[in-house]
Amino acid sequence: MRIGELARRTGCRPDTVRYYEKEGLLPAPERSDGNYRLYNAAHLARLSFIRNCRALEMNLDEIRALLALTDGACPDCGEVNTLLETHIGHITERITRLQALQTQLRALRRRCTGATPIDQCGIIRELTDPAGPSV
């Protein structure tokens, strides 16, 4: 299959396929006589794997490590579990930061009644302050 078909079947864009090739996550395909990339079922499976990892917000290094493990660098899934546990820790940290941001935004939101003229808006004043919001 050509790049457009592979992209369509995996729900990504052709430039994303080329990017993953450039990053070494997806092996370079064979070429046709007309120099078109020709992908096979193995490319489809690997790209689907990459896309599913990205949907779980794994970064390229994490995906690269998982691919290395699936390519035979590990006899069992112990390292896969370790990698996933580390990723869960990163997600937990992000959730904590996002919850703090949510609290800060709610405090900022309370600075405005909605009926105040824009030049007296507490939110705008806080965001205009060079020191940043005091919330």
Protein backbone atom coordinates (compact mmCIF):
# COMPACT_ATOMS: atom_id res chain seq x y z
CA MET A 1 0.00 0.00 0.00
CA ARG A 2 1.13 3.55 -0.59
CA ILE A 3 1.59 6.20 2.07
CA GLY A 4 -1.89 7.71 1.67
CA GLU A 5 -3.55 4.34 2.24
CA LEU A 6 -1.38 3.60 5.27
CA ALA A 7 -2.14 7.04 6.70
CA ARG A 8 -5.87 6.63 6.10
CA ARG A 9 -5.96 3.17 7.68
CA THR A 10 -4.17 4.37 10.82
CA GLY A 11 -5.91 7.73 11.13
CA CYS A 12 -2.86 9.90 10.66
CA ARG A 13 -1.43 12.13 7.97
CA PRO A 14 1.22 11.16 5.43
CA ASP A 15 3.67 13.67 6.91
CA THR A 16 3.26 11.91 10.27
CA VAL A 17 4.20 8.61 8.64
CA ARG A 18 7.31 10.24 7.14
CA TYR A 19 8.15 11.78 10.53
CA TYR A 20 8.02 8.40 12.28
CA GLU A 21 10.25 6.99 9.55
CA LYS A 22 12.71 9.85 10.04
CA GLU A 23 12.69 9.24 13.81
CA GLY A 24 13.46 5.56 13.26
CA LEU A 25 10.21 4.34 14.78
CA LEU A 26 8.89 3.03 11.48
CA PRO A 27 11.25 1.15 9.15
CA ALA A 28 11.80 2.58 5.70
CA PRO A 29 9.55 0.87 3.17
CA GLU A 30 10.52 -0.56 -0.15
CA ARG A 31 10.12 1.71 -3.18
CA SER A 32 8.20 1.14 -6.38
CA ASP A 33 9.70 1.64 -9.84
CA GLY A 34 8.13 5.12 -9.70
CA ASN A 35 9.87 5.74 -6.32
CA TYR A 36 6.62 5.57 -4.33
CA ARG A 37 6.88 4.20 -0.80
CA LEU A 38 5.30 0.75 -0.56
CA TYR A 39 4.12 -0.31 2.89
CA ASN A 40 3.05 -3.76 4.06
CA ALA A 41 1.06 -5.30 6.92
CA ALA A 42 4.06 -5.07 9.26
CA HIS A 43 4.21 -1.30 8.71
CA LEU A 44 0.48 -1.06 9.36
CA ALA A 45 0.78 -3.01 12.63
CA ARG A 46 3.79 -0.99 13.80
CA LEU A 47 2.20 2.35 12.94
CA SER A 48 -1.00 1.29 14.73
CA PHE A 49 1.12 0.42 17.77
CA ILE A 50 2.82 3.85 17.64
CA ARG A 51 -0.51 5.65 17.24
CA ASN A 52 -2.00 3.76 20.19
CA CYS A 53 1.01 4.66 22.33
CA ARG A 54 0.64 8.32 21.32
CA ALA A 55 -3.05 8.16 22.27
CA LEU A 56 -1.83 7.18 25.75
CA GLU A 57 0.40 10.28 25.63
CA MET A 58 3.63 8.32 25.55
CA ASN A 59 6.58 10.31 24.26
CA LEU A 60 8.80 9.14 21.42
CA ASP A 61 11.52 7.86 23.77
CA GLU A 62 8.99 5.70 25.62
CA ILE A 63 7.65 4.39 22.33
CA ARG A 64 11.17 3.76 21.08
CA ALA A 65 11.90 1.75 24.25
CA LEU A 66 8.70 -0.28 23.88
CA LEU A 67 9.49 -0.98 20.24
CA ALA A 68 12.99 -2.13 21.19
CA LEU A 69 11.44 -4.51 23.72
CA THR A 70 8.94 -5.85 21.19
CA ASP A 71 11.73 -6.24 18.64
CA GLY A 72 13.40 -8.79 20.89
CA ALA A 73 15.50 -6.89 23.39
CA CYS A 74 13.66 -8.51 26.29
CA PRO A 75 12.50 -12.10 26.91
CA ASP A 76 9.45 -11.18 29.02
CA CYS A 77 7.20 -8.22 29.74
CA GLY A 78 8.77 -7.17 33.06
CA GLU A 79 10.50 -4.21 31.45
CA VAL A 80 7.28 -3.28 29.68
CA ASN A 81 5.54 -3.10 33.06
CA THR A 82 8.38 -0.99 34.46
CA LEU A 83 8.16 1.42 31.53
CA LEU A 84 4.40 1.70 31.90
CA GLU A 85 4.69 2.29 35.65
CA THR A 86 7.13 5.13 34.97
CA HIS A 87 4.71 6.60 32.44
CA ILE A 88 1.88 6.39 34.99
CA GLY A 89 4.10 8.37 37.39
CA HIS A 90 4.57 11.09 34.75
CA ILE A 91 0.81 11.23 34.17
CA THR A 92 0.20 11.48 37.92
CA GLU A 93 2.59 14.44 38.12
CA ARG A 94 0.82 16.13 35.20
CA ILE A 95 -2.57 15.62 36.84
CA THR A 96 -1.27 17.24 40.03
CA ARG A 97 0.05 20.23 38.05
CA LEU A 98 -3.22 20.53 36.10
CA GLN A 99 -5.26 20.43 39.31
CA ALA A 100 -3.13 23.27 40.72
CA LEU A 101 -3.67 25.19 37.49
CA GLN A 102 -7.41 24.60 37.74
CA THR A 103 -7.40 25.99 41.29
CA GLN A 104 -5.45 29.04 40.12
CA LEU A 105 -7.84 29.65 37.22
CA ARG A 106 -10.89 29.36 39.46
CA ALA A 107 -9.38 31.90 41.88
CA LEU A 108 -8.72 34.20 38.92
CA ARG A 109 -12.29 33.70 37.69
CA ARG A 110 -13.64 34.84 41.07
CA ARG A 111 -12.02 38.26 40.47
CA CYS A 112 -14.72 39.14 37.94
CA THR A 113 -18.45 39.50 38.42
CA GLY A 114 -19.20 39.64 34.70
CA ALA A 115 -21.07 42.92 35.09
CA THR A 116 -17.99 45.13 35.50
CA PRO A 117 -16.79 47.38 32.65
CA ILE A 118 -13.92 45.71 30.81
CA ASP A 119 -11.40 48.35 31.92
CA GLN A 120 -12.16 47.37 35.54
CA CYS A 121 -12.24 43.61 34.98
CA GLY A 122 -10.29 41.83 37.74
CA ILE A 123 -9.22 39.04 35.42
CA ILE A 124 -7.80 41.44 32.82
CA ARG A 125 -6.04 43.44 35.53
CA GLU A 126 -4.42 40.31 36.98
CA LEU A 127 -3.31 39.10 33.56
CA THR A 128 -1.90 42.54 32.70
CA ASP A 129 0.14 42.75 35.90
CA PRO A 130 3.86 42.25 35.07
CA ALA A 131 4.21 40.12 38.21
CA GLY A 132 1.49 37.81 36.91
CA PRO A 133 -1.69 36.69 38.63
CA SER A 134 -1.52 36.87 42.42
CA VAL A 135 -3.77 33.86 42.84
